[in-house]
C-alpha atoms as a PDB file:
ATOM      1  CA  MET A   1      72.263 121.041  94.895  1.00  0.00           C
ATOM      2  CA  VAL A   2      70.738 123.452  97.530  1.00  0.00           C
ATOM      3  CA  GLU A   3      71.869 124.408 100.784  1.00  0.00           C
ATOM      4  CA  VAL A   4      69.847 124.938 103.426  1.00  0.00           C
ATOM      5  CA  CYS A   5      71.676 126.605 106.494  1.00  0.00           C
ATOM      6  CA  VAL A   6      70.756 127.441 110.264  1.00  0.00           C
ATOM      7  CA  THR A   7      73.587 129.253 111.711  1.00  0.00           C
ATOM      8  CA  GLY A   8      74.545 130.785 115.320  1.00  0.00           C
ATOM      9  CA  LEU A   9      71.557 128.588 116.992  1.00  0.00           C
ATOM     10  CA  GLN A  10      71.575 129.075 120.575  1.00  0.00           C
ATOM     11  CA  VAL A  11      70.428 125.900 122.666  1.00  0.00           C
ATOM     12  CA  PHE A  12      70.518 125.421 126.445  1.00  0.00           C
ATOM     13  CA  ALA A  13      71.538 121.638 126.855  1.00  0.00           C
ATOM     14  CA  GLN A  14      71.979 119.330 129.523  1.00  0.00           C
ATOM     15  CA  ILE A  15      75.602 118.126 128.339  1.00  0.00           C
ATOM     16  CA  GLY A  16      79.243 117.480 129.590  1.00  0.00           C
ATOM     17  CA  VAL A  17      81.216 114.268 131.509  1.00  0.00           C
ATOM     18  CA  HIS A  18      82.253 116.418 134.497  1.00  0.00           C
ATOM     19  CA  ALA A  19      80.456 116.479 137.819  1.00  0.00           C
ATOM     20  CA  HIS A  20      80.067 119.944 137.775  1.00  0.00           C
ATOM     21  CA  GLU A  21      78.329 119.711 134.427  1.00  0.00           C
ATOM     22  CA  ARG A  22      75.531 117.445 135.825  1.00  0.00           C
ATOM     23  CA  GLY A  23      72.234 118.678 136.460  1.00  0.00           C
ATOM     24  CA  ARG A  24      72.344 121.845 134.935  1.00  0.00           C
ATOM     25  CA  THR A  25      71.882 123.412 131.348  1.00  0.00           C
ATOM     26  CA  GLN A  26      74.983 125.103 129.326  1.00  0.00           C
ATOM     27  CA  LEU A  27      74.982 127.225 126.210  1.00  0.00           C
ATOM     28  CA  LEU A  28      75.633 125.459 122.596  1.00  0.00           C
ATOM     29  CA  SER A  29      76.069 127.438 119.635  1.00  0.00           C
ATOM     30  CA  ILE A  30      75.036 125.537 116.663  1.00  0.00           C
ATOM     31  CA  ASP A  31      75.316 125.707 112.756  1.00  0.00           C
ATOM     32  CA  VAL A  32      73.521 123.102 110.505  1.00  0.00           C
ATOM     33  CA  THR A  33      74.178 123.118 107.048  1.00  0.00           C
ATOM     34  CA  VAL A  34      71.805 120.535 105.147  1.00  0.00           C
ATOM     35  CA  THR A  35      72.553 119.891 101.271  1.00  0.00           C
ATOM     36  CA  LEU A  36      69.381 118.403  99.329  1.00  0.00           C
ATOM     37  CA  ASP A  37      68.277 118.232  95.869  1.00  0.00           C
ATOM     38  CA  PRO A  38      66.616 121.066  94.591  1.00  0.00           C
ATOM     39  CA  PRO A  39      63.102 121.189  95.868  1.00  0.00           C
ATOM     40  CA  ASP A  40      60.689 120.529  92.705  1.00  0.00           C
ATOM     41  CA  ALA A  41      57.917 122.590  94.385  1.00  0.00           C
ATOM     42  CA  ASP A  42      57.605 125.927  96.178  1.00  0.00           C
ATOM     43  CA  ARG A  43      56.037 124.049  99.138  1.00  0.00           C
ATOM     44  CA  LEU A  44      57.977 123.709 102.896  1.00  0.00           C
ATOM     45  CA  ASP A  45      57.567 119.967 102.715  1.00  0.00           C
ATOM     46  CA  ALA A  46      59.604 119.554  99.609  1.00  0.00           C
ATOM     47  CA  SER A  47      62.834 121.475 101.541  1.00  0.00           C
ATOM     48  CA  ILE A  48      64.058 121.179 104.777  1.00  0.00           C
ATOM     49  CA  ASP A  49      62.178 123.345 107.762  1.00  0.00           C
ATOM     50  CA  TYR A  50      64.398 125.899 109.468  1.00  0.00           C
ATOM     51  CA  GLN A  51      62.018 125.442 112.574  1.00  0.00           C
ATOM     52  CA  ARG A  52      62.234 121.727 112.747  1.00  0.00           C
ATOM     53  CA  ILE A  53      66.155 121.937 112.887  1.00  0.00           C
ATOM     54  CA  ALA A  54      65.578 124.264 115.888  1.00  0.00           C
ATOM     55  CA  ASP A  55      63.016 122.249 117.483  1.00  0.00           C
ATOM     56  CA  ASP A  56      65.169 118.776 117.383  1.00  0.00           C
ATOM     57  CA  ALA A  57      68.492 120.414 118.522  1.00  0.00           C
ATOM     58  CA  GLU A  58      66.086 121.801 121.889  1.00  0.00           C
ATOM     59  CA  ALA A  59      64.717 118.416 122.245  1.00  0.00           C
ATOM     60  CA  LEU A  60      67.925 116.850 122.298  1.00  0.00           C
ATOM     61  CA  GLY A  61      69.079 119.254 124.931  1.00  0.00           C
ATOM     62  CA  ARG A  62      66.523 118.299 127.193  1.00  0.00           C
ATOM     63  CA  ALA A  63      68.135 114.883 128.214  1.00  0.00           C
ATOM     64  CA  HIS A  64      71.920 114.521 129.479  1.00  0.00           C
ATOM     65  CA  ILE A  65      74.270 113.702 126.785  1.00  0.00           C
ATOM     66  CA  ASN A  66      77.888 113.312 127.726  1.00  0.00           C
ATOM     67  CA  LEU A  67      79.673 114.795 124.631  1.00  0.00           C
ATOM     68  CA  ILE A  68      79.095 117.352 121.943  1.00  0.00           C
ATOM     69  CA  GLU A  69      80.228 114.954 119.386  1.00  0.00           C
ATOM     70  CA  THR A  70      76.991 112.926 120.453  1.00  0.00           C
ATOM     71  CA  PHE A  71      74.810 115.813 120.333  1.00  0.00           C
ATOM     72  CA  ALA A  72      75.991 116.770 116.856  1.00  0.00           C
ATOM     73  CA  ARG A  73      75.852 113.209 115.578  1.00  0.00           C
ATOM     74  CA  ARG A  74      72.382 112.960 116.548  1.00  0.00           C
ATOM     75  CA  LEU A  75      71.148 116.300 115.220  1.00  0.00           C
ATOM     76  CA  ALA A  76      72.841 115.319 111.982  1.00  0.00           C
ATOM     77  CA  THR A  77      71.108 111.690 111.935  1.00  0.00           C
ATOM     78  CA  SER A  78      67.905 113.808 112.305  1.00  0.00           C
ATOM     79  CA  CYS A  79      68.107 116.321 109.595  1.00  0.00           C
ATOM     80  CA  LEU A  80      69.287 113.335 107.294  1.00  0.00           C
ATOM     81  CA  ALA A  81      66.123 111.275 107.701  1.00  0.00           C
ATOM     82  CA  HIS A  82      64.498 113.998 105.511  1.00  0.00           C
ATOM     83  CA  PRO A  83      63.924 112.067 102.097  1.00  0.00           C
ATOM     84  CA  ALA A  84      65.504 115.055 100.082  1.00  0.00           C
ATOM     85  CA  ALA A  85      68.645 115.935 102.364  1.00  0.00           C
ATOM     86  CA  ARG A  86      71.968 114.419 100.849  1.00  0.00           C
ATOM     87  CA  GLN A  87      74.488 115.862 103.501  1.00  0.00           C
ATOM     88  CA  VAL A  88      74.338 117.140 106.724  1.00  0.00           C
ATOM     89  CA  CYS A  89      77.088 119.069 108.516  1.00  0.00           C
ATOM     90  CA  VAL A  90      76.659 120.265 112.305  1.00  0.00           C
ATOM     91  CA  SER A  91      79.140 122.262 114.030  1.00  0.00           C
ATOM     92  CA  VAL A  92      78.866 122.673 117.811  1.00  0.00           C
ATOM     93  CA  GLN A  93      80.237 124.999 119.973  1.00  0.00           C
ATOM     94  CA  LYS A  94      80.445 125.141 123.887  1.00  0.00           C
ATOM     95  CA  PRO A  95      81.474 128.707 124.519  1.00  0.00           C
ATOM     96  CA  GLY A  96      81.911 127.978 128.338  1.00  0.00           C
ATOM     97  CA  ALA A  97      84.251 124.625 128.258  1.00  0.00           C
ATOM     98  CA  LEU A  98      87.424 126.817 128.079  1.00  0.00           C
ATOM     99  CA  ARG A  99      88.654 130.210 129.889  1.00  0.00           C
ATOM    100  CA  ASN A 100      90.685 131.049 126.759  1.00  0.00           C
ATOM    101  CA  GLY A 101      88.901 129.758 123.792  1.00  0.00           C
ATOM    102  CA  LEU A 102      86.031 127.976 121.999  1.00  0.00           C
ATOM    103  CA  ALA A 103      85.661 124.137 122.244  1.00  0.00           C
ATOM    104  CA  GLY A 104      83.513 122.353 119.631  1.00  0.00           C
ATOM    105  CA  THR A 105      83.187 119.781 117.061  1.00  0.00           C
ATOM    106  CA  ARG A 106      81.926 119.237 113.706  1.00  0.00           C
ATOM    107  CA  VAL A 107      80.117 116.014 112.007  1.00  0.00           C
ATOM    108  CA  VAL A 108      79.419 115.494 108.596  1.00  0.00           C
ATOM    109  CA  LEU A 109      76.933 112.412 107.510  1.00  0.00           C
ATOM    110  CA  THR A 110      76.220 111.814 103.836  1.00  0.00           C
ATOM    111  CA  ARG A 111      73.589 109.593 102.397  1.00  0.00           C
ATOM    112  CA  GLY A 112      75.003 106.338 100.908  1.00  0.00           C
END
């Protein structure tokens, strides 16, 4: 197996359940690990494109989502759609959610 990793991806997203979070964007910090079969060719389409992961995360941030858990699950589902992907782990942290710490979630999806 091969792991393709994107770490520390910074995305501004319309996210949150509270009234003061609506109508504005908030910074999310995202880590993605996609486990896949080793590519059988030295071509990008045989692996996972890092830029596609970043683009998908930015696209998700354009529409309001209440929970970071939902954001993480949707991004993981998008990554798992690649035919070579076997497992996806998406961690999302919302730096501004707590005064004295970081709030976050981690979603792991495995192809059945």
